[in-house]
PDB file of N, CA and C in Angstrom:
ATOM      1  N   UNK A   1      91.322 122.405  94.698  1.00  0.00           N
ATOM      2  CA  UNK A   1      89.869 122.247  94.700  1.00  0.00           C
ATOM      3  C   UNK A   1      89.521 121.180  95.766  1.00  0.00           C
ATOM      4  N   UNK A   2      90.311 120.167  95.874  1.00  0.00           N
ATOM      5  CA  UNK A   2      89.990 119.084  96.967  1.00  0.00           C
ATOM      6  C   UNK A   2      89.951 119.734  98.259  1.00  0.00           C
ATOM      7  N   UNK A   3      90.940 120.607  98.538  1.00  0.00           N
ATOM      8  CA  UNK A   3      90.914 121.204  99.896  1.00  0.00           C
ATOM      9  C   UNK A   3      89.649 121.931 100.259  1.00  0.00           C
ATOM     10  N   UNK A   4      89.107 122.640  99.208  1.00  0.00           N
ATOM     11  CA  UNK A   4      87.829 123.337  99.465  1.00  0.00           C
ATOM     12  C   UNK A   4      86.651 122.378  99.727  1.00  0.00           C
ATOM     13  N   UNK A   5      86.674 121.287  98.939  1.00  0.00           N
ATOM     14  CA  UNK A   5      85.643 120.265  99.230  1.00  0.00           C
ATOM     15  C   UNK A   5      85.715 119.697 100.599  1.00  0.00           C
ATOM     16  N   UNK A   6      86.941 119.357 101.026  1.00  0.00           N
ATOM     17  CA  UNK A   6      87.144 118.757 102.286  1.00  0.00           C
ATOM     18  C   UNK A   6      86.772 119.774 103.467  1.00  0.00           C
ATOM     19  N   UNK A   7      87.134 120.968 103.239  1.00  0.00           N
ATOM     20  CA  UNK A   7      86.856 121.979 104.196  1.00  0.00           C
ATOM     21  C   UNK A   7      85.334 122.292 104.335  1.00  0.00           C
ATOM     22  N   UNK A   8      84.710 122.164 103.285  1.00  0.00           N
ATOM     23  CA  UNK A   8      83.248 122.362 103.293  1.00  0.00           C
ATOM     24  C   UNK A   8      82.536 121.193 104.003  1.00  0.00           C
ATOM     25  N   UNK A   9      83.085 120.001 103.811  1.00  0.00           N
ATOM     26  CA  UNK A   9      82.480 118.847 104.483  1.00  0.00           C
ATOM     27  C   UNK A   9      82.690 118.852 105.961  1.00  0.00           C
ATOM     28  N   UNK A  10      83.590 119.640 106.481  1.00  0.00           N
ATOM     29  CA  UNK A  10      83.930 119.612 107.879  1.00  0.00           C
ATOM     30  C   UNK A  10      82.841 120.360 108.736  1.00  0.00           C
ATOM     31  N   UNK A  11      81.998 121.198 108.069  1.00  0.00           N
ATOM     32  CA  UNK A  11      81.121 121.964 108.786  1.00  0.00           C
ATOM     33  C   UNK A  11      79.672 121.407 108.703  1.00  0.00           C
ATOM     34  N   UNK A  12      78.909 121.546 109.787  1.00  0.00           N
ATOM     35  CA  UNK A  12      77.527 121.174 109.871  1.00  0.00           C
ATOM     36  C   UNK A  12      77.220 119.745 109.503  1.00  0.00           C
ATOM     37  N   UNK A  13      76.334 119.517 108.546  1.00  0.00           N
ATOM     38  CA  UNK A  13      75.885 118.147 108.124  1.00  0.00           C
ATOM     39  C   UNK A  13      76.895 117.506 107.216  1.00  0.00           C
ATOM     40  N   UNK A  14      77.920 118.104 106.862  1.00  0.00           N
ATOM     41  CA  UNK A  14      78.952 117.560 105.971  1.00  0.00           C
ATOM     42  C   UNK A  14      79.704 116.401 106.710  1.00  0.00           C
ATOM     43  N   UNK A  15      79.652 116.321 107.979  1.00  0.00           N
ATOM     44  CA  UNK A  15      80.267 115.282 108.728  1.00  0.00           C
ATOM     45  C   UNK A  15      79.573 113.926 108.491  1.00  0.00           C
ATOM     46  N   UNK A  16      78.426 113.994 107.923  1.00  0.00           N
ATOM     47  CA  UNK A  16      77.624 112.785 107.603  1.00  0.00           C
ATOM     48  C   UNK A  16      77.981 112.139 106.248  1.00  0.00           C
ATOM     49  N   UNK A  17      79.000 112.695 105.593  1.00  0.00           N
ATOM     50  CA  UNK A  17      79.369 112.228 104.220  1.00  0.00           C
ATOM     51  C   UNK A  17      80.871 111.839 104.163  1.00  0.00           C
ATOM     52  N   UNK A  18      81.144 111.017 103.249  1.00  0.00           N
ATOM     53  CA  UNK A  18      82.565 110.565 103.096  1.00  0.00           C
ATOM     54  C   UNK A  18      82.934 110.657 101.628  1.00  0.00           C
ATOM     55  N   UNK A  19      84.201 111.033 101.340  1.00  0.00           N
ATOM     56  CA  UNK A  19      84.650 111.113 100.031  1.00  0.00           C
ATOM     57  C   UNK A  19      85.349 109.780  99.696  1.00  0.00           C
ATOM     58  N   UNK A  20      84.942 109.152  98.602  1.00  0.00           N
ATOM     59  CA  UNK A  20      85.586 107.825  98.184  1.00  0.00           C
ATOM     60  C   UNK A  20      86.269 108.042  96.897  1.00  0.00           C
ATOM     61  N   UNK A  21      87.516 107.565  96.783  1.00  0.00           N
ATOM     62  CA  UNK A  21      88.290 107.646  95.600  1.00  0.00           C
ATOM     63  C   UNK A  21      88.614 106.200  95.102  1.00  0.00           C
ATOM     64  N   UNK A  22      88.124 105.834  93.922  1.00  0.00           N
ATOM     65  CA  UNK A  22      88.381 104.505  93.405  1.00  0.00           C
ATOM     66  C   UNK A  22      89.256 104.487  92.235  1.00  0.00           C
ATOM     67  N   UNK A  23      90.080 103.497  92.032  1.00  0.00           N
ATOM     68  CA  UNK A  23      90.875 103.321  90.825  1.00  0.00           C
ATOM     69  C   UNK A  23      90.114 102.405  89.976  1.00  0.00           C
ATOM     70  N   UNK A  24      89.840 102.837  88.752  1.00  0.00           N
ATOM     71  CA  UNK A  24      89.072 102.149  87.761  1.00  0.00           C
ATOM     72  C   UNK A  24      89.903 101.881  86.505  1.00  0.00           C
ATOM     73  N   UNK A  25      90.007 100.565  86.135  1.00  0.00           N
ATOM     74  CA  UNK A  25      90.794 100.243  84.922  1.00  0.00           C
ATOM     75  C   UNK A  25      89.980 100.340  83.684  1.00  0.00           C
ATOM     76  N   UNK A  26      90.416 101.049  82.682  1.00  0.00           N
ATOM     77  CA  UNK A  26      89.690 101.184  81.436  1.00  0.00           C
ATOM     78  C   UNK A  26      89.914  99.910  80.571  1.00  0.00           C
ATOM     79  N   UNK A  27      88.856  99.405  80.133  1.00  0.00           N
ATOM     80  CA  UNK A  27      88.929  98.216  79.168  1.00  0.00           C
ATOM     81  C   UNK A  27      89.525  98.551  77.872  1.00  0.00           C
ATOM     82  N   UNK A  28      89.318  99.742  77.387  1.00  0.00           N
ATOM     83  CA  UNK A  28      89.771 100.124  76.095  1.00  0.00           C
ATOM     84  C   UNK A  28      91.335 100.337  76.081  1.00  0.00           C
ATOM     85  N   UNK A  29      91.923 101.037  77.035  1.00  0.00           N
ATOM     86  CA  UNK A  29      93.327 101.336  76.994  1.00  0.00           C
ATOM     87  C   UNK A  29      94.168 100.536  78.049  1.00  0.00           C
ATOM     88  N   UNK A  30      93.512  99.993  79.053  1.00  0.00           N
ATOM     89  CA  UNK A  30      94.244  99.386  80.105  1.00  0.00           C
ATOM     90  C   UNK A  30      94.719 100.355  81.233  1.00  0.00           C
ATOM     91  N   UNK A  31      94.592 101.570  81.023  1.00  0.00           N
ATOM     92  CA  UNK A  31      95.075 102.565  81.976  1.00  0.00           C
ATOM     93  C   UNK A  31      94.035 102.768  83.198  1.00  0.00           C
ATOM     94  N   UNK A  32      94.589 103.150  84.284  1.00  0.00           N
ATOM     95  CA  UNK A  32      93.725 103.430  85.480  1.00  0.00           C
ATOM     96  C   UNK A  32      93.362 104.853  85.492  1.00  0.00           C
ATOM     97  N   UNK A  33      92.115 105.111  85.865  1.00  0.00           N
ATOM     98  CA  UNK A  33      91.630 106.396  86.130  1.00  0.00           C
ATOM     99  C   UNK A  33      91.008 106.438  87.569  1.00  0.00           C
ATOM    100  N   UNK A  34      90.879 107.581  88.160  1.00  0.00           N
ATOM    101  CA  UNK A  34      90.387 107.628  89.443  1.00  0.00           C
ATOM    102  C   UNK A  34      88.942 108.277  89.414  1.00  0.00           C
ATOM    103  N   UNK A  35      88.061 107.638  90.114  1.00  0.00           N
ATOM    104  CA  UNK A  35      86.731 108.181  90.185  1.00  0.00           C
ATOM    105  C   UNK A  35      86.364 108.535  91.707  1.00  0.00           C
ATOM    106  N   UNK A  36      85.970 109.770  91.850  1.00  0.00           N
ATOM    107  CA  UNK A  36      85.697 110.274  93.137  1.00  0.00           C
ATOM    108  C   UNK A  36      84.165 110.515  93.365  1.00  0.00           C
ATOM    109  N   UNK A  37      83.719 110.092  94.553  1.00  0.00           N
ATOM    110  CA  UNK A  37      82.380 110.185  94.969  1.00  0.00           C
ATOM    111  C   UNK A  37      82.246 110.782  96.344  1.00  0.00           C
ATOM    112  N   UNK A  38      81.177 111.456  96.577  1.00  0.00           N
ATOM    113  CA  UNK A  38      80.836 111.943  97.934  1.00  0.00           C
ATOM    114  C   UNK A  38      79.563 111.176  98.326  1.00  0.00           C
ATOM    115  N   UNK A  39      79.515 110.361  99.254  1.00  0.00           N
ATOM    116  CA  UNK A  39      78.344 109.481  99.627  1.00  0.00           C
ATOM    117  C   UNK A  39      78.064 109.707 101.149  1.00  0.00           C
ATOM    118  N   UNK A  40      76.795 109.448 101.436  1.00  0.00           N
ATOM    119  CA  UNK A  40      76.455 109.431 102.910  1.00  0.00           C
ATOM    120  C   UNK A  40      77.199 108.289 103.601  1.00  0.00           C
ATOM    121  N   UNK A  41      77.471 108.442 104.880  1.00  0.00           N
ATOM    122  CA  UNK A  41      78.184 107.422 105.688  1.00  0.00           C
ATOM    123  C   UNK A  41      77.482 106.014 105.668  1.00  0.00           C
ATOM    124  N   UNK A  42      76.171 106.052 105.639  1.00  0.00           N
ATOM    125  CA  UNK A  42      75.468 104.779 105.690  1.00  0.00           C
ATOM    126  C   UNK A  42      75.396 104.018 104.304  1.00  0.00           C
ATOM    127  N   UNK A  43      75.879 104.700 103.279  1.00  0.00           N
ATOM    128  CA  UNK A  43      75.865 104.028 101.926  1.00  0.00           C
ATOM    129  C   UNK A  43      77.331 103.733 101.435  1.00  0.00           C
ATOM    130  N   UNK A  44      78.272 103.781 102.345  1.00  0.00           N
ATOM    131  CA  UNK A  44      79.720 103.590 101.849  1.00  0.00           C
ATOM    132  C   UNK A  44      79.845 102.173 101.297  1.00  0.00           C
ATOM    133  N   UNK A  45      79.394 101.269 101.927  1.00  0.00           N
ATOM    134  CA  UNK A  45      79.645  99.812 101.557  1.00  0.00           C
ATOM    135  C   UNK A  45      78.857  99.515 100.236  1.00  0.00           C
ATOM    136  N   UNK A  46      77.676 100.089 100.002  1.00  0.00           N
ATOM    137  CA  UNK A  46      77.008  99.984  98.759  1.00  0.00           C
ATOM    138  C   UNK A  46      77.813 100.559  97.586  1.00  0.00           C
ATOM    139  N   UNK A  47      78.415 101.703  97.835  1.00  0.00           N
ATOM    140  CA  UNK A  47      79.116 102.409  96.851  1.00  0.00           C
ATOM    141  C   UNK A  47      80.414 101.625  96.502  1.00  0.00           C
ATOM    142  N   UNK A  48      81.099 101.099  97.518  1.00  0.00           N
ATOM    143  CA  UNK A  48      82.342 100.313  97.271  1.00  0.00           C
ATOM    144  C   UNK A  48      82.118  99.022  96.471  1.00  0.00           C
ATOM    145  N   UNK A  49      80.939  98.286  96.766  1.00  0.00           N
ATOM    146  CA  UNK A  49      80.688  97.131  96.150  1.00  0.00           C
ATOM    147  C   UNK A  49      80.241  97.228  94.709  1.00  0.00           C
ATOM    148  N   UNK A  50      79.830  98.423  94.288  1.00  0.00           N
ATOM    149  CA  UNK A  50      79.356  98.546  92.853  1.00  0.00           C
ATOM    150  C   UNK A  50      80.541  98.950  91.925  1.00  0.00           C
TER     151      UNK A  50
END
């Protein structure tokens, strides 16, 4: 599925977006999960800081 998303983003206006993958630690279990986001290039820093 990720390959399809990346291939779709390569065309047209998709080049103005970036896929961000964050590791988030669960307070309940202590395990790490991964959260994926697709954000516009100009909002990358805002997304990483939150």
